[in-house]
Amino acid sequence: MNNIVLFGIVGALLAGLAMVLQGILATRTGNDIGPIVTGSLIYFAGGLIAIVGLSIYWIGGSNSLPVLSSAVIINVILAGVMGLVIVGGVAFSFARIGAGAAIAITILVQMTIGALADHYGWMGQPPQAITLERVAGLILLFFATWLLVPKNN
């Protein structure tokens, strides 16, 4: 295994840990103030941290600002809207079906869309065909998810 793959695995592990912790924090906050307000506040706080960090970077001597094309601006706005849906959805679903089921459903959707993205090369990488093994993995993941979802509430 080369270093690039290892760093990718570590990055994915850290992102997964952060997602679960953010989900728990968002749920606890959402129980107090509601999932929509929670999502908005979390993204506002994240944006504020990013602006402060970028300001320090630029003030610290970097004179180059990135060129923001209309495509970049549209992508950032859409990603921001999706982020609000993610945080609000996590805060909403964790409180109703539990963290395990909510995470399992989220992962099932992510892996299904990820397989399609790989197959069609949506991320700019060479396409990776959806094989019978990948389909079998998604089917197994579906049944594992089904077992985690509460059947009566």
C-alpha atoms as a PDB file:
ATOM      1  CA  MET A   1       0.000   0.000   0.000  1.00  0.00           C
ATOM      2  CA  ASN A   2       1.503   3.326  -1.027  1.00  0.00           C
ATOM      3  CA  ASN A   3       1.475   6.542   1.019  1.00  0.00           C
ATOM      4  CA  ILE A   4      -1.228   8.197  -1.088  1.00  0.00           C
ATOM      5  CA  VAL A   5      -3.640   5.344  -0.372  1.00  0.00           C
ATOM      6  CA  LEU A   6      -2.684   5.313   3.307  1.00  0.00           C
ATOM      7  CA  PHE A   7      -3.259   9.073   3.618  1.00  0.00           C
ATOM      8  CA  GLY A   8      -6.592   8.651   1.825  1.00  0.00           C
ATOM      9  CA  ILE A   9      -7.650   5.960   4.315  1.00  0.00           C
ATOM     10  CA  VAL A  10      -6.600   8.086   7.293  1.00  0.00           C
ATOM     11  CA  GLY A  11      -8.441  11.086   5.845  1.00  0.00           C
ATOM     12  CA  ALA A  12     -11.604   9.025   5.350  1.00  0.00           C
ATOM     13  CA  LEU A  13     -11.374   7.644   8.899  1.00  0.00           C
ATOM     14  CA  LEU A  14     -10.998  11.143  10.356  1.00  0.00           C
ATOM     15  CA  ALA A  15     -13.882  12.438   8.217  1.00  0.00           C
ATOM     16  CA  GLY A  16     -16.079   9.544   9.376  1.00  0.00           C
ATOM     17  CA  LEU A  17     -15.240  10.244  13.006  1.00  0.00           C
ATOM     18  CA  ALA A  18     -15.958  13.952  12.528  1.00  0.00           C
ATOM     19  CA  MET A  19     -19.306  13.160  10.850  1.00  0.00           C
ATOM     20  CA  VAL A  20     -20.451  11.007  13.753  1.00  0.00           C
ATOM     21  CA  LEU A  21     -19.319  13.533  16.366  1.00  0.00           C
ATOM     22  CA  GLN A  22     -20.932  16.389  14.417  1.00  0.00           C
ATOM     23  CA  GLY A  23     -24.124  14.349  14.173  1.00  0.00           C
ATOM     24  CA  ILE A  24     -24.210  13.792  17.915  1.00  0.00           C
ATOM     25  CA  LEU A  25     -23.538  17.471  18.645  1.00  0.00           C
ATOM     26  CA  ALA A  26     -26.095  18.580  16.038  1.00  0.00           C
ATOM     27  CA  THR A  27     -28.725  16.230  17.469  1.00  0.00           C
ATOM     28  CA  ARG A  28     -28.193  17.434  21.017  1.00  0.00           C
ATOM     29  CA  THR A  29     -28.381  21.036  19.831  1.00  0.00           C
ATOM     30  CA  GLY A  30     -31.311  20.271  17.525  1.00  0.00           C
ATOM     31  CA  ASN A  31     -33.260  18.832  20.446  1.00  0.00           C
ATOM     32  CA  ASP A  32     -33.005  22.261  22.095  1.00  0.00           C
ATOM     33  CA  ILE A  33     -33.460  24.673  19.180  1.00  0.00           C
ATOM     34  CA  GLY A  34     -34.675  22.571  16.238  1.00  0.00           C
ATOM     35  CA  PRO A  35     -32.801  20.932  13.344  1.00  0.00           C
ATOM     36  CA  ILE A  36     -33.174  23.778  10.830  1.00  0.00           C
ATOM     37  CA  VAL A  37     -31.792  26.449  13.151  1.00  0.00           C
ATOM     38  CA  THR A  38     -29.069  24.029  14.233  1.00  0.00           C
ATOM     39  CA  GLY A  39     -27.993  23.389  10.648  1.00  0.00           C
ATOM     40  CA  SER A  40     -27.925  27.086   9.877  1.00  0.00           C
ATOM     41  CA  LEU A  41     -25.908  27.958  12.970  1.00  0.00           C
ATOM     42  CA  ILE A  42     -23.392  25.164  12.420  1.00  0.00           C
ATOM     43  CA  TYR A  43     -22.784  26.257   8.846  1.00  0.00           C
ATOM     44  CA  PHE A  44     -22.587  29.906   9.879  1.00  0.00           C
ATOM     45  CA  ALA A  45     -19.993  28.970  12.516  1.00  0.00           C
ATOM     46  CA  GLY A  46     -18.012  26.917   9.985  1.00  0.00           C
ATOM     47  CA  GLY A  47     -18.093  29.779   7.494  1.00  0.00           C
ATOM     48  CA  LEU A  48     -16.975  32.241  10.141  1.00  0.00           C
ATOM     49  CA  ILE A  49     -14.029  30.008  11.067  1.00  0.00           C
ATOM     50  CA  ALA A  50     -13.093  29.677   7.378  1.00  0.00           C
ATOM     51  CA  ILE A  51     -13.276  33.446   6.820  1.00  0.00           C
ATOM     52  CA  VAL A  52     -11.093  34.147   9.855  1.00  0.00           C
ATOM     53  CA  GLY A  53      -8.570  31.511   8.742  1.00  0.00           C
ATOM     54  CA  LEU A  54      -8.431  32.801   5.177  1.00  0.00           C
ATOM     55  CA  SER A  55      -8.116  36.382   6.422  1.00  0.00           C
ATOM     56  CA  ILE A  56      -5.157  35.428   8.590  1.00  0.00           C
ATOM     57  CA  TYR A  57      -3.616  33.612   5.617  1.00  0.00           C
ATOM     58  CA  TRP A  58      -4.040  36.572   3.276  1.00  0.00           C
ATOM     59  CA  ILE A  59      -2.947  39.157   5.869  1.00  0.00           C
ATOM     60  CA  GLY A  60       0.036  36.974   6.688  1.00  0.00           C
ATOM     61  CA  GLY A  61       1.642  37.628   3.325  1.00  0.00           C
ATOM     62  CA  SER A  62      -0.236  35.770   0.638  1.00  0.00           C
ATOM     63  CA  ASN A  63      -1.242  38.391  -1.888  1.00  0.00           C
ATOM     64  CA  SER A  64      -2.958  36.014  -4.258  1.00  0.00           C
ATOM     65  CA  LEU A  65      -6.691  35.602  -4.035  1.00  0.00           C
ATOM     66  CA  PRO A  66      -8.263  32.708  -5.912  1.00  0.00           C
ATOM     67  CA  VAL A  67     -10.155  33.509  -9.074  1.00  0.00           C
ATOM     68  CA  LEU A  68     -13.787  32.577  -8.551  1.00  0.00           C
ATOM     69  CA  SER A  69     -15.460  31.680 -11.819  1.00  0.00           C
ATOM     70  CA  SER A  70     -19.236  31.492 -12.032  1.00  0.00           C
ATOM     71  CA  ALA A  71     -18.990  27.672 -12.017  1.00  0.00           C
ATOM     72  CA  VAL A  72     -16.995  27.760  -8.763  1.00  0.00           C
ATOM     73  CA  ILE A  73     -19.492  30.139  -7.158  1.00  0.00           C
ATOM     74  CA  ILE A  74     -22.452  27.972  -8.197  1.00  0.00           C
ATOM     75  CA  ASN A  75     -20.726  24.820  -6.910  1.00  0.00           C
ATOM     76  CA  VAL A  76     -19.942  26.464  -3.567  1.00  0.00           C
ATOM     77  CA  ILE A  77     -23.510  27.733  -3.143  1.00  0.00           C
ATOM     78  CA  LEU A  78     -24.990  24.314  -4.004  1.00  0.00           C
ATOM     79  CA  ALA A  79     -22.542  22.561  -1.663  1.00  0.00           C
ATOM     80  CA  GLY A  80     -23.481  25.012   1.088  1.00  0.00           C
ATOM     81  CA  VAL A  81     -27.187  24.290   0.615  1.00  0.00           C
ATOM     82  CA  MET A  82     -26.459  20.559   0.683  1.00  0.00           C
ATOM     83  CA  GLY A  83     -24.464  21.070   3.872  1.00  0.00           C
ATOM     84  CA  LEU A  84     -27.504  22.636   5.522  1.00  0.00           C
ATOM     85  CA  VAL A  85     -29.597  19.654   4.430  1.00  0.00           C
ATOM     86  CA  ILE A  86     -26.951  17.284   5.806  1.00  0.00           C
ATOM     87  CA  VAL A  87     -26.678  18.889   9.231  1.00  0.00           C
ATOM     88  CA  GLY A  88     -30.430  19.456   9.545  1.00  0.00           C
ATOM     89  CA  GLY A  89     -31.167  15.941   8.317  1.00  0.00           C
ATOM     90  CA  VAL A  90     -28.688  14.392  10.724  1.00  0.00           C
ATOM     91  CA  ALA A  91     -30.067  16.355  13.678  1.00  0.00           C
ATOM     92  CA  PHE A  92     -33.592  15.320  12.667  1.00  0.00           C
ATOM     93  CA  SER A  93     -32.925  11.632  11.921  1.00  0.00           C
ATOM     94  CA  PHE A  94     -30.549  10.853  14.813  1.00  0.00           C
ATOM     95  CA  ALA A  95     -33.242  11.986  17.253  1.00  0.00           C
ATOM     96  CA  ARG A  96     -35.917   9.837  15.614  1.00  0.00           C
ATOM     97  CA  ILE A  97     -34.299   6.586  14.475  1.00  0.00           C
ATOM     98  CA  GLY A  98     -31.005   6.595  16.390  1.00  0.00           C
ATOM     99  CA  ALA A  99     -27.434   7.264  15.354  1.00  0.00           C
ATOM    100  CA  GLY A 100     -26.721   3.734  14.089  1.00  0.00           C
ATOM    101  CA  ALA A 101     -29.666   3.577  11.703  1.00  0.00           C
ATOM    102  CA  ALA A 102     -29.215   7.166  10.518  1.00  0.00           C
ATOM    103  CA  ILE A 103     -25.519   6.643   9.829  1.00  0.00           C
ATOM    104  CA  ALA A 104     -26.203   3.331   8.054  1.00  0.00           C
ATOM    105  CA  ILE A 105     -28.783   4.948   5.754  1.00  0.00           C
ATOM    106  CA  THR A 106     -26.436   7.867   5.089  1.00  0.00           C
ATOM    107  CA  ILE A 107     -23.578   5.507   4.219  1.00  0.00           C
ATOM    108  CA  LEU A 108     -25.820   3.388   1.968  1.00  0.00           C
ATOM    109  CA  VAL A 109     -26.841   6.495  -0.004  1.00  0.00           C
ATOM    110  CA  GLN A 110     -23.245   7.795  -0.117  1.00  0.00           C
ATOM    111  CA  MET A 111     -21.877   4.467  -1.355  1.00  0.00           C
ATOM    112  CA  THR A 112     -24.596   4.102  -3.991  1.00  0.00           C
ATOM    113  CA  ILE A 113     -24.048   7.615  -5.362  1.00  0.00           C
ATOM    114  CA  GLY A 114     -20.274   7.108  -5.002  1.00  0.00           C
ATOM    115  CA  ALA A 115     -20.444   3.959  -7.127  1.00  0.00           C
ATOM    116  CA  LEU A 116     -22.368   5.880  -9.793  1.00  0.00           C
ATOM    117  CA  ALA A 117     -19.856   8.754  -9.601  1.00  0.00           C
ATOM    118  CA  ASP A 118     -16.991   6.278 -10.043  1.00  0.00           C
ATOM    119  CA  HIS A 119     -18.768   4.525 -12.916  1.00  0.00           C
ATOM    120  CA  TYR A 120     -19.380   7.731 -14.864  1.00  0.00           C
ATOM    121  CA  GLY A 121     -16.195   9.558 -13.787  1.00  0.00           C
ATOM    122  CA  TRP A 122     -18.152  12.477 -12.311  1.00  0.00           C
ATOM    123  CA  MET A 123     -15.191  13.544 -10.147  1.00  0.00           C
ATOM    124  CA  GLY A 124     -12.845  13.857 -13.118  1.00  0.00           C
ATOM    125  CA  GLN A 125     -11.107  10.545 -12.474  1.00  0.00           C
ATOM    126  CA  PRO A 126     -10.976   7.630 -14.927  1.00  0.00           C
ATOM    127  CA  PRO A 127     -14.298   5.731 -14.733  1.00  0.00           C
ATOM    128  CA  GLN A 128     -14.463   2.553 -12.631  1.00  0.00           C
ATOM    129  CA  ALA A 129     -17.138   0.203 -13.887  1.00  0.00           C
ATOM    130  CA  ILE A 130     -19.912  -0.972 -11.603  1.00  0.00           C
ATOM    131  CA  THR A 131     -19.080  -4.650 -11.343  1.00  0.00           C
ATOM    132  CA  LEU A 132     -21.109  -7.538  -9.986  1.00  0.00           C
ATOM    133  CA  GLU A 133     -18.934  -7.412  -6.837  1.00  0.00           C
ATOM    134  CA  ARG A 134     -19.787  -3.735  -6.279  1.00  0.00           C
ATOM    135  CA  VAL A 135     -23.495  -4.407  -6.781  1.00  0.00           C
ATOM    136  CA  ALA A 136     -23.284  -7.338  -4.331  1.00  0.00           C
ATOM    137  CA  GLY A 137     -21.584  -5.040  -1.800  1.00  0.00           C
ATOM    138  CA  LEU A 138     -24.361  -2.475  -2.128  1.00  0.00           C
ATOM    139  CA  ILE A 139     -27.016  -5.181  -1.754  1.00  0.00           C
ATOM    140  CA  LEU A 140     -25.320  -6.487   1.410  1.00  0.00           C
ATOM    141  CA  LEU A 141     -25.092  -2.952   2.734  1.00  0.00           C
ATOM    142  CA  PHE A 142     -28.814  -2.461   2.039  1.00  0.00           C
ATOM    143  CA  PHE A 143     -29.717  -5.541   4.095  1.00  0.00           C
ATOM    144  CA  ALA A 144     -27.335  -4.534   6.901  1.00  0.00           C
ATOM    145  CA  THR A 145     -28.979  -1.099   6.940  1.00  0.00           C
ATOM    146  CA  TRP A 146     -32.440  -2.668   7.009  1.00  0.00           C
ATOM    147  CA  LEU A 147     -31.458  -4.644  10.109  1.00  0.00           C
ATOM    148  CA  LEU A 148     -30.346  -1.460  11.902  1.00  0.00           C
ATOM    149  CA  VAL A 149     -33.507   0.563  11.226  1.00  0.00           C
ATOM    150  CA  PRO A 150     -36.033   0.416  14.081  1.00  0.00           C
ATOM    151  CA  LYS A 151     -39.147  -1.472  13.013  1.00  0.00           C
ATOM    152  CA  ASN A 152     -41.543   0.144  15.516  1.00  0.00           C
ATOM    153  CA  ASN A 153     -41.414   3.465  17.297  1.00  0.00           C
END
